[in-house]
Protein backbone atom coordinates (compact mmCIF):
# COMPACT_ATOMS: atom_id res chain seq x y z
CA UNK A 1 55.50 -5.63 13.44
CA UNK A 2 56.10 -2.15 13.17
CA UNK A 3 55.68 -0.05 10.19
CA UNK A 4 59.06 2.12 9.93
CA UNK A 5 57.96 3.97 7.38
CA UNK A 6 58.30 7.70 7.55
CA UNK A 7 56.58 10.73 5.84
CA UNK A 8 58.61 13.28 4.37
CA UNK A 9 58.67 16.78 3.80
CA UNK A 10 59.58 17.88 0.16
CA UNK A 11 63.01 18.62 1.60
CA UNK A 12 63.34 15.12 2.73
CA UNK A 13 63.26 15.41 6.25
CA UNK A 14 60.73 13.26 8.22
CA UNK A 15 57.74 14.60 9.72
CA UNK A 16 55.84 11.18 10.69
CA UNK A 17 57.27 8.43 12.73
CA UNK A 18 54.92 5.44 12.57
CA UNK A 19 54.84 3.63 16.14
CA UNK A 20 51.76 1.94 16.15
CA UNK A 21 52.09 -1.81 15.74
CA UNK A 22 50.07 -2.45 12.14
CA UNK A 23 50.52 -5.31 9.69
CA UNK A 24 51.91 -3.64 6.26
CA UNK A 25 49.91 -3.74 3.09
CA UNK A 26 51.75 -5.51 0.15
CA UNK A 27 51.07 -5.81 -3.51
CA UNK A 28 51.59 -8.75 -5.38
CA UNK A 29 54.08 -7.65 -7.64
CA UNK A 30 55.27 -11.23 -9.10
CA UNK A 31 52.11 -11.23 -10.96
CA UNK A 32 52.72 -8.43 -12.76
CA UNK A 33 56.34 -7.71 -13.02
CA UNK A 34 56.69 -8.28 -16.99
CA UNK A 35 54.00 -5.81 -17.54
CA UNK A 36 55.84 -3.34 -15.16
CA UNK A 37 58.97 -3.95 -16.58
CA UNK A 38 57.70 -3.51 -20.38
CA UNK A 39 56.12 0.01 -19.65
CA UNK A 40 58.89 1.22 -17.84
CA UNK A 41 61.66 0.11 -20.80
CA UNK A 42 59.03 1.48 -23.39
CA UNK A 43 59.00 4.97 -21.55
CA UNK A 44 62.63 4.96 -21.19
CA UNK A 45 63.06 4.58 -24.96
CA UNK A 46 60.57 7.03 -25.65
CA UNK A 47 62.42 9.57 -23.49
CA UNK A 48 65.67 8.34 -25.02
CA UNK A 49 64.70 8.34 -28.61
CA UNK A 50 63.27 12.02 -28.57
CA UNK A 51 65.85 13.48 -26.26
CA UNK A 52 63.07 14.35 -23.91
CA UNK A 53 63.64 15.09 -20.26
CA UNK A 54 61.16 14.41 -17.70
CA UNK A 55 60.54 17.51 -16.43
CA UNK A 56 58.37 20.74 -17.75
CA UNK A 57 59.30 22.12 -21.43
CA UNK A 58 58.74 25.18 -22.95
CA UNK A 59 54.80 24.31 -23.48
CA UNK A 60 54.47 23.93 -19.71
CA UNK A 61 56.30 27.45 -19.34
CA UNK A 62 54.04 28.78 -21.66
CA UNK A 63 51.37 27.87 -20.17
CA UNK A 64 52.49 28.55 -16.79
CA UNK A 65 52.81 32.42 -18.13
CA UNK A 66 49.52 32.37 -19.69
CA UNK A 67 47.26 31.33 -16.70
CA UNK A 68 49.65 33.52 -14.48
CA UNK A 69 48.78 36.40 -16.71
CA UNK A 70 45.00 36.01 -16.71
CA UNK A 71 45.16 35.07 -13.14
CA UNK A 72 47.03 38.91 -12.07
CA UNK A 73 45.29 40.28 -14.83
CA UNK A 74 41.88 40.07 -13.84
CA UNK A 75 42.77 40.51 -10.28
CA UNK A 76 44.34 43.83 -10.83
CA UNK A 77 41.07 44.77 -13.03
CA UNK A 78 38.91 43.94 -10.56
CA UNK A 79 40.76 46.40 -7.90
CA UNK A 80 41.65 49.38 -10.47
CA UNK A 81 38.86 49.14 -13.05
CA UNK A 82 35.75 50.54 -11.53
CA UNK A 83 33.72 48.42 -13.38
CA UNK A 84 29.90 47.45 -11.96
CA UNK A 85 29.11 44.59 -9.90
CA UNK A 86 28.66 42.28 -12.69
CA UNK A 87 31.30 42.83 -14.72
CA UNK A 88 33.61 42.32 -11.61
CA UNK A 89 32.12 39.55 -10.93
CA UNK A 90 32.90 37.81 -14.49
CA UNK A 91 36.53 39.04 -13.72
CA UNK A 92 36.44 37.41 -10.27
CA UNK A 93 35.37 33.75 -12.19
CA UNK A 94 38.01 34.38 -14.62
CA UNK A 95 40.64 34.70 -11.86
CA UNK A 96 39.04 31.73 -9.95
CA UNK A 97 39.51 29.75 -13.17
CA UNK A 98 42.50 30.84 -14.39
CA UNK A 99 44.44 30.51 -10.76
CA UNK A 100 42.91 27.01 -10.39
CA UNK A 101 44.29 26.19 -13.84
CA UNK A 102 47.66 27.56 -12.88
CA UNK A 103 47.55 25.08 -9.66
CA UNK A 104 46.44 22.03 -12.00
CA UNK A 105 48.81 22.52 -14.37
CA UNK A 106 51.90 23.59 -12.65
CA UNK A 107 51.50 23.14 -8.83
CA UNK A 108 50.52 19.63 -9.01
CA UNK A 109 53.53 18.58 -10.92
CA UNK A 110 55.71 20.60 -8.56
CA UNK A 111 54.25 18.54 -5.47
CA UNK A 112 55.62 15.52 -7.09
CA UNK A 113 58.78 17.39 -8.04
CA UNK A 114 57.98 16.44 -11.72
CA UNK A 115 58.15 20.40 -12.78
CA UNK A 116 61.87 21.29 -12.22
CA UNK A 117 64.76 19.08 -10.75
CA UNK A 118 64.86 21.72 -7.66
CA UNK A 119 63.05 20.75 -4.81
CA UNK A 120 63.04 24.22 -3.27
CA UNK A 121 61.86 25.39 -6.58
CA UNK A 122 59.21 22.85 -6.67
CA UNK A 123 57.90 23.79 -3.26
CA UNK A 124 57.87 27.91 -3.51
CA UNK A 125 56.12 26.93 -6.78
CA UNK A 126 53.44 24.95 -5.38
CA UNK A 127 52.99 27.06 -2.25
CA UNK A 128 52.22 30.25 -3.91
CA UNK A 129 50.22 28.63 -6.50
CA UNK A 130 48.13 27.09 -3.87
CA UNK A 131 47.92 30.28 -1.65
CA UNK A 132 45.87 31.73 -4.41
CA UNK A 133 42.97 28.60 -4.14
CA UNK A 134 43.48 28.94 -0.01
CA UNK A 135 44.44 25.30 0.23
CA UNK A 136 47.73 24.61 2.23
CA UNK A 137 50.61 23.33 0.14
CA UNK A 138 52.67 21.31 2.54
CA UNK A 139 49.13 19.35 3.74
CA UNK A 140 47.68 18.90 0.41
CA UNK A 141 51.07 17.39 -0.87
CA UNK A 142 51.21 14.95 2.36
CA UNK A 143 47.91 13.88 1.95
CA UNK A 144 47.82 13.34 -2.02
CA UNK A 145 51.79 12.05 -2.34
CA UNK A 146 51.81 9.86 1.05
CA UNK A 147 48.44 8.59 0.91
CA UNK A 148 46.45 8.52 -2.07
CA UNK A 149 49.00 7.66 -4.20
CA UNK A 150 50.43 4.93 -2.50
CA UNK A 151 46.96 3.08 -1.80
CA UNK A 152 44.36 4.32 -4.57
CA UNK A 153 40.94 3.39 -3.51
CA UNK A 154 42.15 1.06 -0.34
CA UNK A 155 39.84 1.49 2.47
CA UNK A 156 41.76 2.67 5.36
CA UNK A 157 44.98 3.80 3.14
CA UNK A 158 43.42 6.32 0.57
CA UNK A 159 42.57 9.60 2.62
CA UNK A 160 40.28 10.31 -0.56
CA UNK A 161 37.84 7.73 0.43
CA UNK A 162 38.54 7.51 3.87
CA UNK A 163 37.90 11.28 5.43
CA UNK A 164 34.33 11.44 4.16
CA UNK A 165 30.97 10.12 5.66
CA UNK A 166 28.78 12.40 3.61
CA UNK A 167 29.06 10.87 0.58
CA UNK A 168 29.97 6.76 0.07
CA UNK A 169 33.09 6.86 -2.51
CA UNK A 170 33.58 2.82 -1.75
CA UNK A 171 31.58 -0.29 -1.68
CA UNK A 172 33.58 -1.05 1.57
CA UNK A 173 32.74 1.41 3.27
CA UNK A 174 29.60 1.84 5.53
CA UNK A 175 26.30 2.55 3.95
CA UNK A 176 24.09 5.04 5.63
CA UNK A 177 20.25 5.69 5.10
CA UNK A 178 20.95 9.53 3.87
CA UNK A 179 23.43 7.94 1.19
CA UNK A 180 20.83 6.71 -1.06
CA UNK A 181 20.17 10.40 -1.75
CA UNK A 182 23.82 10.94 -2.44
CA UNK A 183 23.65 11.22 -6.09
CA UNK A 184 20.94 14.37 -5.32
CA UNK A 185 22.52 15.78 -3.08
CA UNK A 186 26.18 15.42 -4.08
CA UNK A 187 26.41 18.24 -6.53
CA UNK A 188 25.88 20.76 -4.23
CA UNK A 189 28.27 19.83 -1.61
CA UNK A 190 30.54 19.72 -4.46
CA UNK A 191 30.17 23.50 -4.78
CA UNK A 192 31.38 23.58 -0.88
CA UNK A 193 34.88 21.99 -1.38
CA UNK A 194 36.99 25.16 -1.99
CA UNK A 195 35.40 26.71 1.56
CA UNK A 196 35.45 23.62 3.28
CA UNK A 197 39.20 22.94 2.07
CA UNK A 198 40.37 26.83 3.07
CA UNK A 199 38.45 26.84 6.67
CA UNK A 200 38.02 23.37 7.69
CA UNK A 201 40.07 20.17 6.27
CA UNK A 202 43.21 22.14 6.08
CA UNK A 203 42.91 23.16 9.99
CA UNK A 204 41.80 19.27 10.96
CA UNK A 205 44.80 17.96 8.93
CA UNK A 206 47.10 20.06 10.90
CA UNK A 207 46.53 19.01 13.91
CA UNK A 208 45.33 15.26 13.30
CA UNK A 209 47.89 12.54 14.50
CA UNK A 210 46.41 9.71 12.53
CA UNK A 211 44.99 10.36 8.63
CA UNK A 212 44.46 7.01 6.42
CA UNK A 213 47.49 5.23 6.24
CA UNK A 214 50.13 7.54 8.11
CA UNK A 215 50.44 7.79 11.80
CA UNK A 216 51.84 9.80 14.60
CA UNK A 217 52.32 12.71 11.89
CA UNK A 218 54.42 15.43 13.02
CA UNK A 219 54.74 18.26 11.02
CA UNK A 220 58.21 20.66 11.02
CA UNK A 221 57.18 23.64 13.09
CA UNK A 222 57.85 26.52 10.40
CA UNK A 223 54.87 24.60 8.54
CA UNK A 224 52.75 25.87 11.37
CA UNK A 225 53.90 29.24 10.83
CA UNK A 226 53.35 29.24 6.96
CA UNK A 227 49.89 28.07 7.47
CA UNK A 228 48.66 31.02 8.86
CA UNK A 229 50.93 33.40 7.07
CA UNK A 230 49.37 31.71 3.78
CA UNK A 231 45.71 31.82 5.31
CA UNK A 232 46.15 35.56 6.24
CA UNK A 233 47.38 36.15 2.66
CA UNK A 234 44.41 34.44 0.92
CA UNK A 235 41.98 35.94 2.98
CA UNK A 236 43.68 39.43 2.24
CA UNK A 237 43.64 38.62 -1.47
CA UNK A 238 39.87 37.59 -1.61
CA UNK A 239 38.51 39.87 0.93
CA UNK A 240 40.45 42.26 2.85
CA UNK A 241 42.16 44.27 0.23
CA UNK A 242 39.24 44.23 -2.22
CA UNK A 243 36.60 45.69 0.64
CA UNK A 244 39.31 48.25 1.26
CA UNK A 245 39.91 49.56 -2.44
CA UNK A 246 36.40 48.82 -4.05
CA UNK A 247 33.58 50.72 -4.03
CA UNK A 248 30.91 48.41 -2.86
CA UNK A 249 29.37 47.14 0.04
CA UNK A 250 31.01 44.46 1.92
CA UNK A 251 28.47 41.88 1.28
CA UNK A 252 28.60 41.92 -2.47
CA UNK A 253 32.23 41.61 -2.10
CA UNK A 254 31.93 38.51 0.06
CA UNK A 255 28.76 37.10 -2.05
CA UNK A 256 31.01 37.65 -5.41
CA UNK A 257 33.93 35.65 -3.56
CA UNK A 258 31.30 32.98 -2.82
CA UNK A 259 30.23 32.51 -6.29
CA UNK A 260 33.79 32.10 -7.25
CA UNK A 261 34.30 29.58 -5.08
CA UNK A 262 31.45 27.57 -5.73
CA UNK A 263 32.14 27.64 -9.71
CA UNK A 264 35.84 26.88 -9.17
CA UNK A 265 34.86 24.24 -6.94
CA UNK A 266 32.70 22.64 -9.89
CA UNK A 267 35.13 22.78 -12.20
CA UNK A 268 37.82 21.12 -10.20
CA UNK A 269 35.52 18.52 -8.85
CA UNK A 270 34.01 17.73 -12.71
CA UNK A 271 37.52 17.30 -13.98
CA UNK A 272 38.84 14.83 -11.03
CA UNK A 273 36.14 12.92 -9.06
CA UNK A 274 35.19 10.43 -11.78
CA UNK A 275 39.06 9.44 -12.21
CA UNK A 276 39.16 6.96 -9.43
CA UNK A 277 35.09 6.89 -8.25
CA UNK A 278 33.54 5.40 -11.08
CA UNK A 279 31.58 2.52 -12.30
CA UNK A 280 34.65 1.19 -13.67
CA UNK A 281 37.22 1.34 -11.24
CA UNK A 282 37.97 -1.28 -8.49
CA UNK A 283 37.97 -0.97 -4.83
CA UNK A 284 40.21 -3.96 -3.52
CA UNK A 285 40.69 -5.10 0.03
CA UNK A 286 43.45 -7.14 1.61
CA UNK A 287 43.28 -10.82 1.90
CA UNK A 288 44.12 -12.75 5.38
CA UNK A 289 47.54 -12.51 4.59
CA UNK A 290 47.75 -8.67 3.74
CA UNK A 291 47.87 -8.79 0.09
CA UNK A 292 46.09 -6.88 -2.22
CA UNK A 293 45.11 -9.20 -5.23
CA UNK A 294 47.53 -7.52 -7.79
CA UNK A 295 50.94 -6.18 -8.24
CA UNK A 296 51.23 -2.24 -8.48
CA UNK A 297 51.02 -1.33 -11.91
CA UNK A 298 47.90 -3.44 -12.36
CA UNK A 299 46.19 -1.65 -9.42
CA UNK A 300 47.18 1.70 -10.69
CA UNK A 301 45.40 0.94 -13.85
CA UNK A 302 42.09 -0.92 -12.70
CA UNK A 303 41.30 2.00 -9.58
CA UNK A 304 41.34 4.51 -12.06
CA UNK A 305 39.08 6.09 -15.17
CA UNK A 306 41.10 8.08 -18.01
CA UNK A 307 38.90 10.39 -20.07
CA UNK A 308 39.97 11.71 -23.33
CA UNK A 309 43.77 10.94 -22.17
CA UNK A 310 45.49 11.26 -25.75
CA UNK A 311 43.78 14.93 -26.22
CA UNK A 312 46.27 17.81 -26.59
CA UNK A 313 43.66 19.95 -25.78
CA UNK A 314 42.70 18.10 -22.59
CA UNK A 315 46.17 18.15 -21.97
CA UNK A 316 47.05 21.88 -22.08
CA UNK A 317 44.39 22.86 -19.99
CA UNK A 318 43.63 20.03 -17.24
CA UNK A 319 47.21 19.31 -16.62
CA UNK A 320 47.15 15.60 -17.41
CA UNK A 321 44.35 15.09 -14.76
CA UNK A 322 42.38 12.98 -17.72
CA UNK A 323 45.44 10.56 -17.97
CA UNK A 324 45.35 9.20 -14.54
CA UNK A 325 46.40 5.77 -15.54
CA UNK A 326 49.95 7.47 -16.28
CA UNK A 327 50.06 9.82 -13.68
CA UNK A 328 49.76 6.95 -11.19
CA UNK A 329 52.17 4.73 -12.72
CA UNK A 330 55.02 7.52 -13.71
CA UNK A 331 53.96 10.70 -10.79
CA UNK A 332 57.68 11.89 -11.40
CA UNK A 333 57.06 12.65 -14.74
CA UNK A 334 55.61 16.07 -16.01
CA UNK A 335 52.18 15.80 -17.36
CA UNK A 336 52.82 17.10 -20.81
CA UNK A 337 54.32 13.61 -21.58
CA UNK A 338 51.30 11.85 -20.41
CA UNK A 339 49.35 11.28 -23.62
CA UNK A 340 52.43 9.64 -25.41
CA UNK A 341 52.55 7.44 -21.89
CA UNK A 342 49.15 6.44 -22.27
CA UNK A 343 49.50 5.09 -25.75
CA UNK A 344 52.32 3.19 -24.39
CA UNK A 345 50.43 1.68 -21.27
CA UNK A 346 46.92 1.23 -23.35
CA UNK A 347 49.42 -1.13 -25.67
CA UNK A 348 51.23 -2.77 -23.23
CA UNK A 349 47.85 -3.49 -20.93
CA UNK A 350 46.24 -5.18 -24.06
CA UNK A 351 49.15 -7.25 -24.64
CA UNK A 352 49.36 -8.23 -21.01
CA UNK A 353 45.31 -8.68 -20.49
CA UNK A 354 45.41 -6.10 -17.84
CA UNK A 355 42.03 -4.03 -17.72
CA UNK A 356 42.88 0.06 -19.00
CA UNK A 357 39.60 2.06 -18.22
CA UNK A 358 38.67 4.94 -20.43
CA UNK A 359 36.00 7.20 -21.99
CA UNK A 360 35.39 10.89 -23.05
CA UNK A 361 34.21 13.39 -20.47
CA UNK A 362 30.76 13.25 -20.15
CA UNK A 363 31.17 9.63 -20.05
CA UNK A 364 33.41 10.17 -17.18
CA UNK A 365 30.64 12.58 -14.91
CA UNK A 366 27.73 9.82 -16.31
CA UNK A 367 29.49 7.17 -14.89
CA UNK A 368 30.46 8.70 -11.74
CA UNK A 369 26.90 9.77 -11.09
CA UNK A 370 25.33 6.14 -11.67
CA UNK A 371 28.59 5.07 -9.46
CA UNK A 372 27.35 7.19 -6.47
CA UNK A 373 23.55 6.15 -7.17
CA UNK A 374 24.90 2.38 -6.57
CA UNK A 375 26.72 3.18 -3.67
CA UNK A 376 23.81 5.12 -2.03
CA UNK A 377 21.47 1.85 -2.89
CA UNK A 378 24.16 -0.29 -1.78
CA UNK A 379 24.43 -2.17 -5.18
CA UNK A 380 27.82 -4.15 -6.42
CA UNK A 381 29.87 -2.49 -8.89
CA UNK A 382 32.30 -5.35 -11.12
CA UNK A 383 35.69 -5.90 -9.45
CA UNK A 384 34.88 -4.23 -6.07
CA UNK A 385 36.84 -6.65 -3.75
CA UNK A 386 40.12 -8.99 -3.66
CA UNK A 387 40.19 -12.95 -3.69
CA UNK A 388 39.62 -13.57 0.09
CA UNK A 389 38.18 -10.27 1.49
CA UNK A 390 34.88 -11.32 2.11
CA UNK A 391 36.12 -13.20 5.02
CA UNK A 392 38.73 -10.90 6.29
CA UNK A 393 39.56 -7.27 5.24
CA UNK A 394 42.56 -5.46 7.39
CA UNK A 395 42.13 -1.91 7.41
CA UNK A 396 45.01 0.36 9.29
CA UNK A 397 43.64 2.71 12.26
CA UNK A 398 41.97 5.34 11.09
CA UNK A 399 42.45 9.01 12.36
CA UNK A 400 39.69 10.32 14.74
């Protein structure tokens, strides 16, 4: 059977035309049809009753202005203040943290077209915000929206677990001898996430033709041009301009940029890594008929772990990264509504006997590192496989 689903850009144009014969993966949506219907109806009622729209509101606009002002202000002071090395390092980390928060709170919603109803505006905002981090917005949107969101935690279909061998993030992945130490060395790898993305991962993704569930990927020509323009802009902002204007040795500027990148990467990973890779989450496999064990809505819940999802403070700073269930079930809704949506989802899940995973921030980190240790030791964690998966597991072709 040929999978004819195409991969599309933010403008809706096809960029991938799968031609390989592969069996489609299917959810058993009849099992949770009532649950899915109930949460859709209650969420619709929430918007109708309160007169809300699904896009960004004034609070999101305020956050965007705040984090943008901190980002621009910190960068301006770095270039013009004449401060000493330690003060400049502090400003660099303020720049890194605020630009990361800008991306999490604004660009992420833009990637899902949940920021504004205007697709071009979403794309421009996402591109500008991601350029400050050095990551390519187009490729990130491709992997995040078209791979991860379609089949979270499914081996062979979720690029977030497929595209790493140094850290074992699924019980359905091969275990290497060095994985038994991964709970010890993983934190040091997390420091390198930003640098790895900027200088290696983006380039690999740009030229890969197969990536997890995506086959025969073809990018528009303009994306190749924009890719290198944005990389040059990032290097200019981070290194070339500071080296030209700041009276410090080049190696101190480079070292300061690396420290900023390490800290920014650590913040990013700490907020997100445990939301799918934790003791509580499941890693379903496909049965002999090509089915996952649950419906799509249930799958979104059992493969994610929320942390403090109804906290207004957490929602303000992390843009809904703490409310993954709501995000996966309603990715086209701005994160500002996730606390209310989480209450609806949690109540409906309880009524229908569906597992909903929730903890606090430090509980998330503890669960993640316990999970890493178990994965390295080859221990099983509850809910890891679907019925029939022990005898047969279907995995689409991996990227090479």
